[in-house]
PDB file of N, CA and C in Angstrom:
ATOM      1  N   MET A   1     109.011 103.975 133.054  1.00  0.00           N
ATOM      2  CA  MET A   1     109.471 104.137 131.588  1.00  0.00           C
ATOM      3  C   MET A   1     110.292 103.253 130.872  1.00  0.00           C
ATOM      4  N   ALA A   2     110.272 101.607 131.484  1.00  0.00           N
ATOM      5  CA  ALA A   2     110.811 100.643 130.825  1.00  0.00           C
ATOM      6  C   ALA A   2     109.429 100.034 130.692  1.00  0.00           C
ATOM      7  N   ALA A   3     108.160 100.065 131.078  1.00  0.00           N
ATOM      8  CA  ALA A   3     107.194  99.906 130.928  1.00  0.00           C
ATOM      9  C   ALA A   3     106.599 100.336 129.390  1.00  0.00           C
ATOM     10  N   MET A   4     107.027 101.872 129.049  1.00  0.00           N
ATOM     11  CA  MET A   4     106.541 102.403 128.087  1.00  0.00           C
ATOM     12  C   MET A   4     107.359 101.799 126.835  1.00  0.00           C
ATOM     13  N   ARG A   5     108.620 101.974 127.066  1.00  0.00           N
ATOM     14  CA  ARG A   5     109.710 101.023 126.237  1.00  0.00           C
ATOM     15  C   ARG A   5     108.862 100.073 125.713  1.00  0.00           C
ATOM     16  N   LEU A   6     108.941  98.845 126.665  1.00  0.00           N
ATOM     17  CA  LEU A   6     108.119  97.560 126.430  1.00  0.00           C
ATOM     18  C   LEU A   6     106.728  97.585 125.549  1.00  0.00           C
ATOM     19  N   LEU A   7     106.166  98.551 125.781  1.00  0.00           N
ATOM     20  CA  LEU A   7     104.992  98.629 124.992  1.00  0.00           C
ATOM     21  C   LEU A   7     105.177  98.754 123.506  1.00  0.00           C
ATOM     22  N   LEU A   8     106.034 100.208 123.246  1.00  0.00           N
ATOM     23  CA  LEU A   8     106.070 100.430 122.147  1.00  0.00           C
ATOM     24  C   LEU A   8     107.088  99.658 121.356  1.00  0.00           C
ATOM     25  N   LEU A   9     107.620  98.908 122.001  1.00  0.00           N
ATOM     26  CA  LEU A   9     108.314  98.030 121.125  1.00  0.00           C
ATOM     27  C   LEU A   9     107.304  96.975 120.623  1.00  0.00           C
ATOM     28  N   CYS A  10     106.448  96.272 121.592  1.00  0.00           N
ATOM     29  CA  CYS A  10     105.647  95.503 120.766  1.00  0.00           C
ATOM     30  C   CYS A  10     104.588  96.121 120.008  1.00  0.00           C
ATOM     31  N   VAL A  11     104.009  96.963 119.993  1.00  0.00           N
ATOM     32  CA  VAL A  11     103.669  97.723 118.941  1.00  0.00           C
ATOM     33  C   VAL A  11     103.871  97.910 117.617  1.00  0.00           C
ATOM     34  N   ALA A  12     105.697  98.291 117.887  1.00  0.00           N
ATOM     35  CA  ALA A  12     106.347  97.815 116.708  1.00  0.00           C
ATOM     36  C   ALA A  12     106.280  96.758 116.118  1.00  0.00           C
ATOM     37  N   LEU A  13     106.644  95.331 116.935  1.00  0.00           N
ATOM     38  CA  LEU A  13     106.475  94.269 116.261  1.00  0.00           C
ATOM     39  C   LEU A  13     105.134  93.576 115.534  1.00  0.00           C
ATOM     40  N   ILE A  14     104.275  94.233 116.088  1.00  0.00           N
ATOM     41  CA  ILE A  14     102.982  93.901 115.781  1.00  0.00           C
ATOM     42  C   ILE A  14     102.709  94.550 114.222  1.00  0.00           C
ATOM     43  N   CYS A  15     103.259  95.666 114.288  1.00  0.00           N
ATOM     44  CA  CYS A  15     102.644  96.409 113.015  1.00  0.00           C
ATOM     45  C   CYS A  15     103.924  95.618 111.782  1.00  0.00           C
ATOM     46  N   LEU A  16     104.952  95.528 112.377  1.00  0.00           N
ATOM     47  CA  LEU A  16     105.706  95.057 111.438  1.00  0.00           C
ATOM     48  C   LEU A  16     105.391  93.751 110.738  1.00  0.00           C
ATOM     49  N   SER A  17     104.774  92.552 111.701  1.00  0.00           N
ATOM     50  CA  SER A  17     104.095  91.557 111.368  1.00  0.00           C
ATOM     51  C   SER A  17     102.713  91.896 110.563  1.00  0.00           C
ATOM     52  N   ASP A  18     101.942  92.751 110.453  1.00  0.00           N
ATOM     53  CA  ASP A  18     101.479  93.105 109.857  1.00  0.00           C
ATOM     54  C   ASP A  18     101.559  93.440 108.503  1.00  0.00           C
ATOM     55  N   LEU A  19     102.680  94.115 108.182  1.00  0.00           N
ATOM     56  CA  LEU A  19     103.383  94.391 107.244  1.00  0.00           C
ATOM     57  C   LEU A  19     103.542  93.063 106.067  1.00  0.00           C
ATOM     58  N   THR A  20     104.463  92.148 106.618  1.00  0.00           N
ATOM     59  CA  THR A  20     104.842  91.221 105.945  1.00  0.00           C
ATOM     60  C   THR A  20     103.817  90.324 105.669  1.00  0.00           C
ATOM     61  N   SER A  21     102.928  89.791 106.498  1.00  0.00           N
ATOM     62  CA  SER A  21     101.781  88.898 106.248  1.00  0.00           C
ATOM     63  C   SER A  21     100.688  89.509 105.440  1.00  0.00           C
ATOM     64  N   ALA A  22     100.976  90.788 105.082  1.00  0.00           N
ATOM     65  CA  ALA A  22      99.850  91.145 103.818  1.00  0.00           C
ATOM     66  C   ALA A  22     100.484  90.712 102.525  1.00  0.00           C
ATOM     67  N   ALA A  23     101.619  90.402 102.394  1.00  0.00           N
ATOM     68  CA  ALA A  23     102.071  90.229 100.830  1.00  0.00           C
ATOM     69  C   ALA A  23     101.853  89.191 100.957  1.00  0.00           C
ATOM     70  N   ASP A  24     101.296  87.962 101.940  1.00  0.00           N
ATOM     71  CA  ASP A  24     100.847  86.670 101.707  1.00  0.00           C
ATOM     72  C   ASP A  24      99.706  86.553 101.459  1.00  0.00           C
ATOM     73  N   LEU A  25      98.749  87.908 101.353  1.00  0.00           N
ATOM     74  CA  LEU A  25      97.147  87.598 101.194  1.00  0.00           C
ATOM     75  C   LEU A  25      96.754  87.732 100.100  1.00  0.00           C
ATOM     76  N   PRO A  26      95.687  87.212  99.238  1.00  0.00           N
ATOM     77  CA  PRO A  26      95.017  87.258  97.958  1.00  0.00           C
ATOM     78  C   PRO A  26      94.650  88.928  97.536  1.00  0.00           C
ATOM     79  N   PRO A  27      94.395  88.937  96.543  1.00  0.00           N
ATOM     80  CA  PRO A  27      93.734  90.593  96.191  1.00  0.00           C
ATOM     81  C   PRO A  27      92.503  90.791  97.148  1.00  0.00           C
ATOM     82  N   GLN A  28      92.293  91.901  97.994  1.00  0.00           N
ATOM     83  CA  GLN A  28      91.525  92.144  98.384  1.00  0.00           C
ATOM     84  C   GLN A  28      90.036  92.768  97.947  1.00  0.00           C
ATOM     85  N   PRO A  29      88.597  92.068  98.677  1.00  0.00           N
ATOM     86  CA  PRO A  29      87.525  92.331  97.171  1.00  0.00           C
ATOM     87  C   PRO A  29      87.310  93.559  97.205  1.00  0.00           C
ATOM     88  N   ASN A  30      86.629  94.537  96.670  1.00  0.00           N
ATOM     89  CA  ASN A  30      86.231  96.041  96.489  1.00  0.00           C
ATOM     90  C   ASN A  30      84.786  96.033  96.777  1.00  0.00           C
ATOM     91  N   CYS A  31      84.604  96.244  98.199  1.00  0.00           N
ATOM     92  CA  CYS A  31      83.223  96.069  98.791  1.00  0.00           C
ATOM     93  C   CYS A  31      82.751  97.492  98.458  1.00  0.00           C
ATOM     94  N   GLN A  32      82.832  98.528  97.935  1.00  0.00           N
ATOM     95  CA  GLN A  32      82.224  99.721  97.399  1.00  0.00           C
ATOM     96  C   GLN A  32      81.406  99.842  96.792  1.00  0.00           C
ATOM     97  N   ASP A  33      81.686  98.465  95.304  1.00  0.00           N
ATOM     98  CA  ASP A  33      80.603  98.764  94.161  1.00  0.00           C
ATOM     99  C   ASP A  33      80.367  97.534  93.977  1.00  0.00           C
ATOM    100  N   LEU A  34      79.135  97.054  94.158  1.00  0.00           N
ATOM    101  CA  LEU A  34      78.655  95.732  94.173  1.00  0.00           C
ATOM    102  C   LEU A  34      77.431  95.857  93.122  1.00  0.00           C
ATOM    103  N   ARG A  35      77.359  96.766  92.470  1.00  0.00           N
ATOM    104  CA  ARG A  35      76.105  97.178  91.520  1.00  0.00           C
ATOM    105  C   ARG A  35      76.100  96.169  90.343  1.00  0.00           C
ATOM    106  N   ASN A  36      77.327  95.812  89.837  1.00  0.00           N
ATOM    107  CA  ASN A  36      77.369  94.753  88.956  1.00  0.00           C
ATOM    108  C   ASN A  36      77.541  93.300  89.192  1.00  0.00           C
ATOM    109  N   VAL A  37      77.456  93.254  90.268  1.00  0.00           N
ATOM    110  CA  VAL A  37      77.657  91.707  90.688  1.00  0.00           C
ATOM    111  C   VAL A  37      76.439  91.021  90.840  1.00  0.00           C
ATOM    112  N   ARG A  38      75.964  89.718  90.346  1.00  0.00           N
ATOM    113  CA  ARG A  38      74.823  88.762  90.421  1.00  0.00           C
ATOM    114  C   ARG A  38      75.146  88.021  91.895  1.00  0.00           C
ATOM    115  N   CYS A  39      74.876  88.364  93.073  1.00  0.00           N
ATOM    116  CA  CYS A  39      75.150  87.998  94.090  1.00  0.00           C
ATOM    117  C   CYS A  39      74.138  86.543  93.763  1.00  0.00           C
ATOM    118  N   ASP A  40      73.234  86.470  93.362  1.00  0.00           N
ATOM    119  CA  ASP A  40      72.408  85.074  93.722  1.00  0.00           C
ATOM    120  C   ASP A  40      73.098  84.241  93.241  1.00  0.00           C
ATOM    121  N   ILE A  41      73.492  84.312  91.882  1.00  0.00           N
ATOM    122  CA  ILE A  41      74.109  83.220  90.990  1.00  0.00           C
ATOM    123  C   ILE A  41      75.868  83.036  91.440  1.00  0.00           C
ATOM    124  N   LEU A  42      76.197  83.748  92.033  1.00  0.00           N
ATOM    125  CA  LEU A  42      77.955  83.939  92.318  1.00  0.00           C
ATOM    126  C   LEU A  42      78.191  83.091  93.134  1.00  0.00           C
ATOM    127  N   ARG A  43      79.041  82.036  92.628  1.00  0.00           N
ATOM    128  CA  ARG A  43      80.021  81.059  93.849  1.00  0.00           C
ATOM    129  C   ARG A  43      81.399  81.397  93.760  1.00  0.00           C
ATOM    130  N   SER A  44      81.816  81.812  94.552  1.00  0.00           N
ATOM    131  CA  SER A  44      83.106  82.371  94.671  1.00  0.00           C
ATOM    132  C   SER A  44      83.511  82.015  95.941  1.00  0.00           C
ATOM    133  N   PRO A  45      83.898  80.773  96.825  1.00  0.00           N
ATOM    134  CA  PRO A  45      83.860  81.146  98.077  1.00  0.00           C
ATOM    135  C   PRO A  45      85.456  81.951  98.689  1.00  0.00           C
ATOM    136  N   MET A  46      85.679  82.251  99.641  1.00  0.00           N
ATOM    137  CA  MET A  46      86.824  82.888 100.540  1.00  0.00           C
ATOM    138  C   MET A  46      86.306  82.960 101.576  1.00  0.00           C
ATOM    139  N   CYS A  47      87.854  82.786 102.569  1.00  0.00           N
ATOM    140  CA  CYS A  47      87.914  82.653 103.635  1.00  0.00           C
ATOM    141  C   CYS A  47      88.377  83.917 104.607  1.00  0.00           C
ATOM    142  N   GLY A  48      87.651  84.508 105.115  1.00  0.00           N
ATOM    143  CA  GLY A  48      87.931  85.490 106.090  1.00  0.00           C
ATOM    144  C   GLY A  48      88.722  85.396 107.484  1.00  0.00           C
ATOM    145  N   ASN A  49      89.313  86.318 107.898  1.00  0.00           N
ATOM    146  CA  ASN A  49      89.898  85.981 108.918  1.00  0.00           C
ATOM    147  C   ASN A  49      89.486  85.944 110.447  1.00  0.00           C
ATOM    148  N   ASP A  50      88.101  85.863 109.712  1.00  0.00           N
ATOM    149  CA  ASP A  50      87.403  85.316 111.414  1.00  0.00           C
ATOM    150  C   ASP A  50      87.424  83.847 111.213  1.00  0.00           C
ATOM    151  N   GLY A  51      87.899  83.034 109.947  1.00  0.00           N
ATOM    152  CA  GLY A  51      87.683  81.770 110.072  1.00  0.00           C
ATOM    153  C   GLY A  51      86.693  80.987 109.607  1.00  0.00           C
ATOM    154  N   ARG A  52      85.709  82.202 108.852  1.00  0.00           N
ATOM    155  CA  ARG A  52      84.699  81.492 108.252  1.00  0.00           C
ATOM    156  C   ARG A  52      84.309  81.636 106.508  1.00  0.00           C
ATOM    157  N   THR A  53      83.932  80.407 106.226  1.00  0.00           N
ATOM    158  CA  THR A  53      84.057  80.531 104.582  1.00  0.00           C
ATOM    159  C   THR A  53      82.885  81.413 104.236  1.00  0.00           C
ATOM    160  N   TYR A  54      83.012  82.243 103.320  1.00  0.00           N
ATOM    161  CA  TYR A  54      81.742  83.265 102.917  1.00  0.00           C
ATOM    162  C   TYR A  54      81.383  82.632 101.648  1.00  0.00           C
ATOM    163  N   SER A  55      80.291  82.753 100.990  1.00  0.00           N
ATOM    164  CA  SER A  55      79.865  81.813  99.570  1.00  0.00           C
ATOM    165  C   SER A  55      80.524  82.959  98.555  1.00  0.00           C
ATOM    166  N   ASN A  56      80.294  83.934  98.656  1.00  0.00           N
ATOM    167  CA  ASN A  56      81.179  84.783  97.844  1.00  0.00           C
ATOM    168  C   ASN A  56      80.971  86.094  98.212  1.00  0.00           C
ATOM    169  N   ILE A  57      81.583  87.381  97.499  1.00  0.00           N
ATOM    170  CA  ILE A  57      81.651  88.721  97.834  1.00  0.00           C
ATOM    171  C   ILE A  57      80.825  89.160  98.392  1.00  0.00           C
ATOM    172  N   CYS A  58      79.378  88.784  98.263  1.00  0.00           N
ATOM    173  CA  CYS A  58      78.383  89.760  98.642  1.00  0.00           C
ATOM    174  C   CYS A  58      78.363  89.256  99.730  1.00  0.00           C
ATOM    175  N   SER A  59      78.250  87.898 100.417  1.00  0.00           N
ATOM    176  CA  SER A  59      78.214  87.567 101.762  1.00  0.00           C
ATOM    177  C   SER A  59      79.446  88.169 102.603  1.00  0.00           C
ATOM    178  N   TYR A  60      80.515  88.121 101.980  1.00  0.00           N
ATOM    179  CA  TYR A  60      81.536  88.607 102.663  1.00  0.00           C
ATOM    180  C   TYR A  60      81.666  89.992 103.017  1.00  0.00           C
ATOM    181  N   CYS A  61      81.217  90.886 101.907  1.00  0.00           N
ATOM    182  CA  CYS A  61      81.128  92.233 102.217  1.00  0.00           C
ATOM    183  C   CYS A  61      79.847  92.940 102.944  1.00  0.00           C
ATOM    184  N   SER A  62      78.997  91.893 103.223  1.00  0.00           N
ATOM    185  CA  SER A  62      78.007  92.216 103.903  1.00  0.00           C
ATOM    186  C   SER A  62      78.358  92.077 105.621  1.00  0.00           C
ATOM    187  N   MET A  63      79.120  91.043 105.587  1.00  0.00           N
ATOM    188  CA  MET A  63      79.539  91.047 107.256  1.00  0.00           C
ATOM    189  C   MET A  63      80.610  92.031 107.403  1.00  0.00           C
ATOM    190  N   LYS A  64      81.368  92.064 106.661  1.00  0.00           N
ATOM    191  CA  LYS A  64      82.599  93.593 106.751  1.00  0.00           C
ATOM    192  C   LYS A  64      81.897  94.799 106.719  1.00  0.00           C
ATOM    193  N   ARG A  65      80.896  95.138 106.128  1.00  0.00           N
ATOM    194  CA  ARG A  65      80.081  96.272 106.756  1.00  0.00           C
ATOM    195  C   ARG A  65      79.715  96.189 108.080  1.00  0.00           C
ATOM    196  N   ASN A  66      79.497  95.663 108.591  1.00  0.00           N
ATOM    197  CA  ASN A  66      78.771  95.222 109.865  1.00  0.00           C
ATOM    198  C   ASN A  66      79.553  94.670 111.250  1.00  0.00           C
ATOM    199  N   SER A  67      81.074  94.109 110.674  1.00  0.00           N
ATOM    200  CA  SER A  67      81.733  94.016 111.763  1.00  0.00           C
ATOM    201  C   SER A  67      82.372  95.556 112.440  1.00  0.00           C
ATOM    202  N   ILE A  68      82.664  94.973 113.750  1.00  0.00           N
ATOM    203  CA  ILE A  68      83.555  96.195 114.229  1.00  0.00           C
ATOM    204  C   ILE A  68      85.155  95.931 114.632  1.00  0.00           C
ATOM    205  N   THR A  69      85.515  94.738 114.222  1.00  0.00           N
ATOM    206  CA  THR A  69      86.784  94.338 113.631  1.00  0.00           C
ATOM    207  C   THR A  69      87.026  94.377 112.298  1.00  0.00           C
ATOM    208  N   PRO A  70      88.483  94.463 111.922  1.00  0.00           N
ATOM    209  CA  PRO A  70      88.890  95.075 110.728  1.00  0.00           C
ATOM    210  C   PRO A  70      88.939  92.891 109.891  1.00  0.00           C
ATOM    211  N   MET A  71      88.252  93.253 109.087  1.00  0.00           N
ATOM    212  CA  MET A  71      88.197  91.957 108.114  1.00  0.00           C
ATOM    213  C   MET A  71      88.936  91.885 106.946  1.00  0.00           C
ATOM    214  N   TYR A  72      89.480  91.109 106.572  1.00  0.00           N
ATOM    215  CA  TYR A  72      90.055  90.787 105.372  1.00  0.00           C
ATOM    216  C   TYR A  72      89.851  89.332 105.026  1.00  0.00           C
ATOM    217  N   VAL A  73      90.252  89.163 103.748  1.00  0.00           N
ATOM    218  CA  VAL A  73      90.252  87.767 103.118  1.00  0.00           C
ATOM    219  C   VAL A  73      91.599  87.068 103.289  1.00  0.00           C
ATOM    220  N   VAL A  74      91.813  85.783 103.915  1.00  0.00           N
ATOM    221  CA  VAL A  74      93.064  85.374 104.052  1.00  0.00           C
ATOM    222  C   VAL A  74      93.685  84.335 102.871  1.00  0.00           C
ATOM    223  N   LYS A  75      92.620  83.750 102.280  1.00  0.00           N
ATOM    224  CA  LYS A  75      92.588  82.973 100.862  1.00  0.00           C
ATOM    225  C   LYS A  75      91.497  82.759  99.920  1.00  0.00           C
ATOM    226  N   ASN A  76      91.456  82.604  98.964  1.00  0.00           N
ATOM    227  CA  ASN A  76      90.650  82.295  97.828  1.00  0.00           C
ATOM    228  C   ASN A  76      89.971  80.673  98.174  1.00  0.00           C
ATOM    229  N   GLY A  77      88.859  80.689  98.368  1.00  0.00           N
ATOM    230  CA  GLY A  77      88.635  78.952  98.701  1.00  0.00           C
ATOM    231  C   GLY A  77      87.843  78.728 100.070  1.00  0.00           C
ATOM    232  N   ALA A  78      87.570  77.986 100.548  1.00  0.00           N
ATOM    233  CA  ALA A  78      86.870  77.459 101.725  1.00  0.00           C
ATOM    234  C   ALA A  78      88.143  77.736 102.798  1.00  0.00           C
ATOM    235  N   CYS A  79      87.920  77.997 104.427  1.00  0.00           N
ATOM    236  CA  CYS A  79      88.587  78.019 105.325  1.00  0.00           C
ATOM    237  C   CYS A  79      89.306  76.116 105.441  1.00  0.00           C
TER     238      CYS A  79
END
């Protein structure tokens, strides 16, 4: 029973930390519709939560679609 309480407390703390850190993140790119984006000429680096710098929204969204873990932009610009 004590182990269950500890587990619930840890989950609650993780959820709270995710909520507070979300306010510090830049606006997240919309990866659903990239039809109007010229990926070949776009240079707008962004830093992902995986520690990689993506050259533009297209490269970021491509990686995000294929990722098994949740991805988000932690800052605009290089990591």
